[in-house]
Amino acid sequence: MKIKKYIIAIVLIATMGVSTVCTINNAKIVDAKINTAVFPKKIRGTWYSGNGNKTVITPKKYISYDGGHKYVSYLHVRHNNSKMSNKTQNWIYFFDRGQVNGRRWITIKGWNAMMGFGTHYNVSKLNGHYVLTTAIGEPISGSSHSYKSLKLARQLKNQRYLGFKY
């Protein structure tokens, strides 16, 4: 009996800072690596929310400006045996959340966070503009949007898009 060329399963395995997506197709395994040591290129840059807050995401840093204060978090690779300490209090890590409601998400968590779901992030091109969506919870909900310019963020601060839960 021939095995049809359908995807049988997708398995996410977190190893050594790289999430490996394995697709079993005709008994062959194909690896597509997602590097968790740097933020994905799509999410990097400066993003503005409708209330004037700014977020800057570089390959290894997450910087937020909120209420006149600057908060800096440093991206590190999380291993199963990673330890918590005062040194790691500004460290964060992320993992590929996969597809949810047709959109690909990553989840960022604090290094010392023992529980909780983290914050979920997605970048989509909506109405001709790149939009960074931030959401919380399980299932993903409480979406808010940020844009590449402050002017656009203020203009679209109450915008709701199809496919997001608010």
C-alpha atoms as a PDB file:
ATOM      1  CA  MET A   1       0.000   0.000   0.000  1.00  0.00           C
ATOM      2  CA  LYS A   2       1.394   3.374  -1.005  1.00  0.00           C
ATOM      3  CA  ILE A   3       1.687   6.076   1.580  1.00  0.00           C
ATOM      4  CA  LYS A   4       0.040   9.210   0.263  1.00  0.00           C
ATOM      5  CA  LYS A   5       1.995  12.443   0.303  1.00  0.00           C
ATOM      6  CA  TYR A   6       0.105  14.001   3.166  1.00  0.00           C
ATOM      7  CA  ILE A   7       1.637  15.558   6.178  1.00  0.00           C
ATOM      8  CA  ILE A   8       1.119  13.072   8.974  1.00  0.00           C
ATOM      9  CA  ALA A   9       2.334  15.104  11.941  1.00  0.00           C
ATOM     10  CA  ILE A  10       4.135  18.215  13.016  1.00  0.00           C
ATOM     11  CA  VAL A  11       6.167  17.961  16.173  1.00  0.00           C
ATOM     12  CA  LEU A  12       7.923  20.800  17.967  1.00  0.00           C
ATOM     13  CA  ILE A  13      11.074  19.873  19.859  1.00  0.00           C
ATOM     14  CA  ALA A  14      13.013  22.471  21.842  1.00  0.00           C
ATOM     15  CA  THR A  15      16.736  21.656  21.846  1.00  0.00           C
ATOM     16  CA  MET A  16      19.827  23.707  22.468  1.00  0.00           C
ATOM     17  CA  GLY A  17      18.177  27.020  21.613  1.00  0.00           C
ATOM     18  CA  VAL A  18      16.667  25.830  18.345  1.00  0.00           C
ATOM     19  CA  SER A  19      13.113  24.674  17.853  1.00  0.00           C
ATOM     20  CA  THR A  20      12.995  21.981  15.210  1.00  0.00           C
ATOM     21  CA  VAL A  21       9.845  21.524  13.190  1.00  0.00           C
ATOM     22  CA  CYS A  22       9.697  17.947  11.923  1.00  0.00           C
ATOM     23  CA  THR A  23       7.276  17.032   9.165  1.00  0.00           C
ATOM     24  CA  ILE A  24       6.763  13.337   8.621  1.00  0.00           C
ATOM     25  CA  ASN A  25       5.959  12.892   4.933  1.00  0.00           C
ATOM     26  CA  ASN A  26       6.356   9.466   3.259  1.00  0.00           C
ATOM     27  CA  ALA A  27       8.467   8.345   6.219  1.00  0.00           C
ATOM     28  CA  LYS A  28      11.072  11.060   5.523  1.00  0.00           C
ATOM     29  CA  ILE A  29      11.835  13.690   8.147  1.00  0.00           C
ATOM     30  CA  VAL A  30      12.507  17.237   6.950  1.00  0.00           C
ATOM     31  CA  ASP A  31      13.919  19.770   9.451  1.00  0.00           C
ATOM     32  CA  ALA A  32      13.155  23.482   9.337  1.00  0.00           C
ATOM     33  CA  LYS A  33      15.133  25.222  12.083  1.00  0.00           C
ATOM     34  CA  ILE A  34      13.851  28.259  13.956  1.00  0.00           C
ATOM     35  CA  ASN A  35      16.665  30.082  15.708  1.00  0.00           C
ATOM     36  CA  THR A  36      15.614  31.118  19.226  1.00  0.00           C
ATOM     37  CA  ALA A  37      18.974  32.820  19.926  1.00  0.00           C
ATOM     38  CA  VAL A  38      17.858  35.977  18.038  1.00  0.00           C
ATOM     39  CA  PHE A  39      14.470  37.561  17.473  1.00  0.00           C
ATOM     40  CA  PRO A  40      12.986  36.883  14.021  1.00  0.00           C
ATOM     41  CA  LYS A  41      13.712  39.630  11.458  1.00  0.00           C
ATOM     42  CA  LYS A  42      10.009  40.392  10.953  1.00  0.00           C
ATOM     43  CA  ILE A  43       9.540  41.420  14.578  1.00  0.00           C
ATOM     44  CA  ARG A  44      12.665  43.605  14.839  1.00  0.00           C
ATOM     45  CA  GLY A  45      12.468  47.372  14.674  1.00  0.00           C
ATOM     46  CA  THR A  46      10.721  50.222  16.447  1.00  0.00           C
ATOM     47  CA  TRP A  47       7.008  49.853  17.132  1.00  0.00           C
ATOM     48  CA  TYR A  48       4.590  52.472  18.496  1.00  0.00           C
ATOM     49  CA  SER A  49       1.289  51.902  20.270  1.00  0.00           C
ATOM     50  CA  GLY A  50      -1.708  54.225  20.096  1.00  0.00           C
ATOM     51  CA  ASN A  51      -1.042  55.550  23.596  1.00  0.00           C
ATOM     52  CA  GLY A  52       2.461  56.738  22.606  1.00  0.00           C
ATOM     53  CA  ASN A  53       4.497  53.913  24.136  1.00  0.00           C
ATOM     54  CA  LYS A  54       7.445  52.656  22.110  1.00  0.00           C
ATOM     55  CA  THR A  55       9.008  49.209  21.822  1.00  0.00           C
ATOM     56  CA  VAL A  56      12.381  48.556  20.189  1.00  0.00           C
ATOM     57  CA  ILE A  57      13.297  44.992  19.302  1.00  0.00           C
ATOM     58  CA  THR A  58      16.854  44.232  18.188  1.00  0.00           C
ATOM     59  CA  PRO A  59      18.313  40.794  17.472  1.00  0.00           C
ATOM     60  CA  LYS A  60      19.117  40.251  21.193  1.00  0.00           C
ATOM     61  CA  LYS A  61      17.232  42.976  23.137  1.00  0.00           C
ATOM     62  CA  TYR A  62      13.645  43.909  23.914  1.00  0.00           C
ATOM     63  CA  ILE A  63      13.415  47.555  24.996  1.00  0.00           C
ATOM     64  CA  SER A  64      10.154  49.175  26.061  1.00  0.00           C
ATOM     65  CA  TYR A  65       9.483  52.798  26.902  1.00  0.00           C
ATOM     66  CA  ASP A  66       6.446  53.190  29.110  1.00  0.00           C
ATOM     67  CA  GLY A  67       5.395  56.221  31.151  1.00  0.00           C
ATOM     68  CA  GLY A  68       8.802  57.894  30.811  1.00  0.00           C
ATOM     69  CA  HIS A  69      10.698  54.768  31.925  1.00  0.00           C
ATOM     70  CA  LYS A  70      12.975  52.561  29.867  1.00  0.00           C
ATOM     71  CA  TYR A  71      12.942  48.798  30.441  1.00  0.00           C
ATOM     72  CA  VAL A  72      15.562  46.565  28.821  1.00  0.00           C
ATOM     73  CA  SER A  73      15.393  42.773  28.601  1.00  0.00           C
ATOM     74  CA  TYR A  74      18.096  40.576  27.104  1.00  0.00           C
ATOM     75  CA  LEU A  75      17.320  37.541  24.964  1.00  0.00           C
ATOM     76  CA  HIS A  76      18.980  34.276  26.012  1.00  0.00           C
ATOM     77  CA  VAL A  77      18.514  30.667  25.020  1.00  0.00           C
ATOM     78  CA  ARG A  78      16.588  28.672  27.623  1.00  0.00           C
ATOM     79  CA  HIS A  79      17.699  25.113  28.339  1.00  0.00           C
ATOM     80  CA  ASN A  80      15.869  22.569  30.474  1.00  0.00           C
ATOM     81  CA  ASN A  81      18.507  22.879  33.210  1.00  0.00           C
ATOM     82  CA  SER A  82      18.692  26.709  33.166  1.00  0.00           C
ATOM     83  CA  LYS A  83      18.991  28.251  36.617  1.00  0.00           C
ATOM     84  CA  MET A  84      17.303  31.325  38.067  1.00  0.00           C
ATOM     85  CA  SER A  85      19.304  34.028  39.844  1.00  0.00           C
ATOM     86  CA  ASN A  86      19.494  37.787  40.331  1.00  0.00           C
ATOM     87  CA  LYS A  87      21.794  37.856  37.287  1.00  0.00           C
ATOM     88  CA  THR A  88      18.960  36.534  35.115  1.00  0.00           C
ATOM     89  CA  GLN A  89      16.228  38.939  36.280  1.00  0.00           C
ATOM     90  CA  ASN A  90      16.356  40.976  33.012  1.00  0.00           C
ATOM     91  CA  TRP A  91      16.681  37.914  30.788  1.00  0.00           C
ATOM     92  CA  ILE A  92      13.927  36.683  28.499  1.00  0.00           C
ATOM     93  CA  TYR A  93      13.511  33.779  26.112  1.00  0.00           C
ATOM     94  CA  PHE A  94      11.054  32.978  23.356  1.00  0.00           C
ATOM     95  CA  PHE A  95       9.641  29.970  21.618  1.00  0.00           C
ATOM     96  CA  ASP A  96       7.678  29.386  18.457  1.00  0.00           C
ATOM     97  CA  ARG A  97       3.992  29.205  19.386  1.00  0.00           C
ATOM     98  CA  GLY A  98       3.046  27.957  15.923  1.00  0.00           C
ATOM     99  CA  GLN A  99      -0.125  28.724  13.995  1.00  0.00           C
ATOM    100  CA  VAL A 100      -3.144  29.966  15.944  1.00  0.00           C
ATOM    101  CA  ASN A 101      -6.220  31.168  14.028  1.00  0.00           C
ATOM    102  CA  GLY A 102      -4.186  31.190  10.817  1.00  0.00           C
ATOM    103  CA  ARG A 103      -1.397  33.403  12.159  1.00  0.00           C
ATOM    104  CA  ARG A 104       2.102  32.439  13.333  1.00  0.00           C
ATOM    105  CA  TRP A 105       2.957  33.559  16.889  1.00  0.00           C
ATOM    106  CA  ILE A 106       6.011  33.571  19.127  1.00  0.00           C
ATOM    107  CA  THR A 107       5.753  33.671  22.913  1.00  0.00           C
ATOM    108  CA  ILE A 108       8.182  35.656  25.080  1.00  0.00           C
ATOM    109  CA  LYS A 109       8.588  34.780  28.756  1.00  0.00           C
ATOM    110  CA  GLY A 110      10.683  36.162  31.576  1.00  0.00           C
ATOM    111  CA  TRP A 111      13.645  33.954  32.488  1.00  0.00           C
ATOM    112  CA  ASN A 112      12.568  33.616  36.118  1.00  0.00           C
ATOM    113  CA  ALA A 113       8.862  33.193  35.337  1.00  0.00           C
ATOM    114  CA  MET A 114       7.824  29.908  36.901  1.00  0.00           C
ATOM    115  CA  MET A 115       4.215  30.024  35.763  1.00  0.00           C
ATOM    116  CA  GLY A 116       2.051  31.931  33.346  1.00  0.00           C
ATOM    117  CA  PHE A 117       1.585  31.927  29.625  1.00  0.00           C
ATOM    118  CA  GLY A 118       3.966  34.716  28.597  1.00  0.00           C
ATOM    119  CA  THR A 119       3.146  37.354  26.012  1.00  0.00           C
ATOM    120  CA  HIS A 120       2.400  36.335  22.443  1.00  0.00           C
ATOM    121  CA  TYR A 121       3.601  38.317  19.391  1.00  0.00           C
ATOM    122  CA  ASN A 122       2.644  38.277  15.719  1.00  0.00           C
ATOM    123  CA  VAL A 123       3.616  40.503  12.782  1.00  0.00           C
ATOM    124  CA  SER A 124       1.113  40.732   9.922  1.00  0.00           C
ATOM    125  CA  LYS A 125       0.589  43.023   6.978  1.00  0.00           C
ATOM    126  CA  LEU A 126      -2.902  44.414   7.531  1.00  0.00           C
ATOM    127  CA  ASN A 127      -4.528  47.065   5.341  1.00  0.00           C
ATOM    128  CA  GLY A 128      -1.136  47.735   3.739  1.00  0.00           C
ATOM    129  CA  HIS A 129       0.745  48.302   7.014  1.00  0.00           C
ATOM    130  CA  TYR A 130       2.983  46.030   9.077  1.00  0.00           C
ATOM    131  CA  VAL A 131       1.329  45.518  12.445  1.00  0.00           C
ATOM    132  CA  LEU A 132       2.867  44.028  15.599  1.00  0.00           C
ATOM    133  CA  THR A 133       0.118  42.368  17.596  1.00  0.00           C
ATOM    134  CA  THR A 134       0.628  41.619  21.269  1.00  0.00           C
ATOM    135  CA  ALA A 135      -1.719  39.223  23.048  1.00  0.00           C
ATOM    136  CA  ILE A 136      -1.972  37.299  26.304  1.00  0.00           C
ATOM    137  CA  GLY A 137      -3.576  34.203  27.735  1.00  0.00           C
ATOM    138  CA  GLU A 138      -4.626  30.744  26.653  1.00  0.00           C
ATOM    139  CA  PRO A 139      -6.283  30.775  24.210  1.00  0.00           C
ATOM    140  CA  ILE A 140      -4.546  33.804  22.728  1.00  0.00           C
ATOM    141  CA  SER A 141      -6.706  36.872  23.364  1.00  0.00           C
ATOM    142  CA  GLY A 142      -6.532  40.473  24.562  1.00  0.00           C
ATOM    143  CA  SER A 143      -4.885  41.635  21.335  1.00  0.00           C
ATOM    144  CA  SER A 144      -3.368  45.104  21.003  1.00  0.00           C
ATOM    145  CA  HIS A 145      -1.561  46.517  17.990  1.00  0.00           C
ATOM    146  CA  SER A 146       1.588  48.570  17.388  1.00  0.00           C
ATOM    147  CA  TYR A 147       2.794  50.217  14.197  1.00  0.00           C
ATOM    148  CA  LYS A 148       6.049  51.389  12.574  1.00  0.00           C
ATOM    149  CA  SER A 149       5.271  55.104  13.061  1.00  0.00           C
ATOM    150  CA  LEU A 150       3.789  57.076  15.943  1.00  0.00           C
ATOM    151  CA  LYS A 151       1.523  58.995  13.553  1.00  0.00           C
ATOM    152  CA  LEU A 152       0.048  55.767  12.174  1.00  0.00           C
ATOM    153  CA  ALA A 153      -0.287  54.303  15.690  1.00  0.00           C
ATOM    154  CA  ARG A 154      -2.307  57.302  16.853  1.00  0.00           C
ATOM    155  CA  GLN A 155      -4.408  57.242  13.682  1.00  0.00           C
ATOM    156  CA  LEU A 156      -5.240  53.520  14.040  1.00  0.00           C
ATOM    157  CA  LYS A 157      -5.216  53.175  17.843  1.00  0.00           C
ATOM    158  CA  ASN A 158      -8.797  51.857  18.016  1.00  0.00           C
ATOM    159  CA  GLN A 159      -8.528  49.703  14.872  1.00  0.00           C
ATOM    160  CA  ARG A 160      -9.864  46.151  15.123  1.00  0.00           C
ATOM    161  CA  TYR A 161      -8.806  43.497  12.614  1.00  0.00           C
ATOM    162  CA  LEU A 162     -10.588  40.325  11.589  1.00  0.00           C
ATOM    163  CA  GLY A 163      -9.118  37.161  13.150  1.00  0.00           C
ATOM    164  CA  PHE A 164      -7.885  38.662  16.443  1.00  0.00           C
ATOM    165  CA  LYS A 165      -9.562  38.342  19.842  1.00  0.00           C
ATOM    166  CA  TYR A 166      -9.873  41.599  21.801  1.00  0.00           C
END
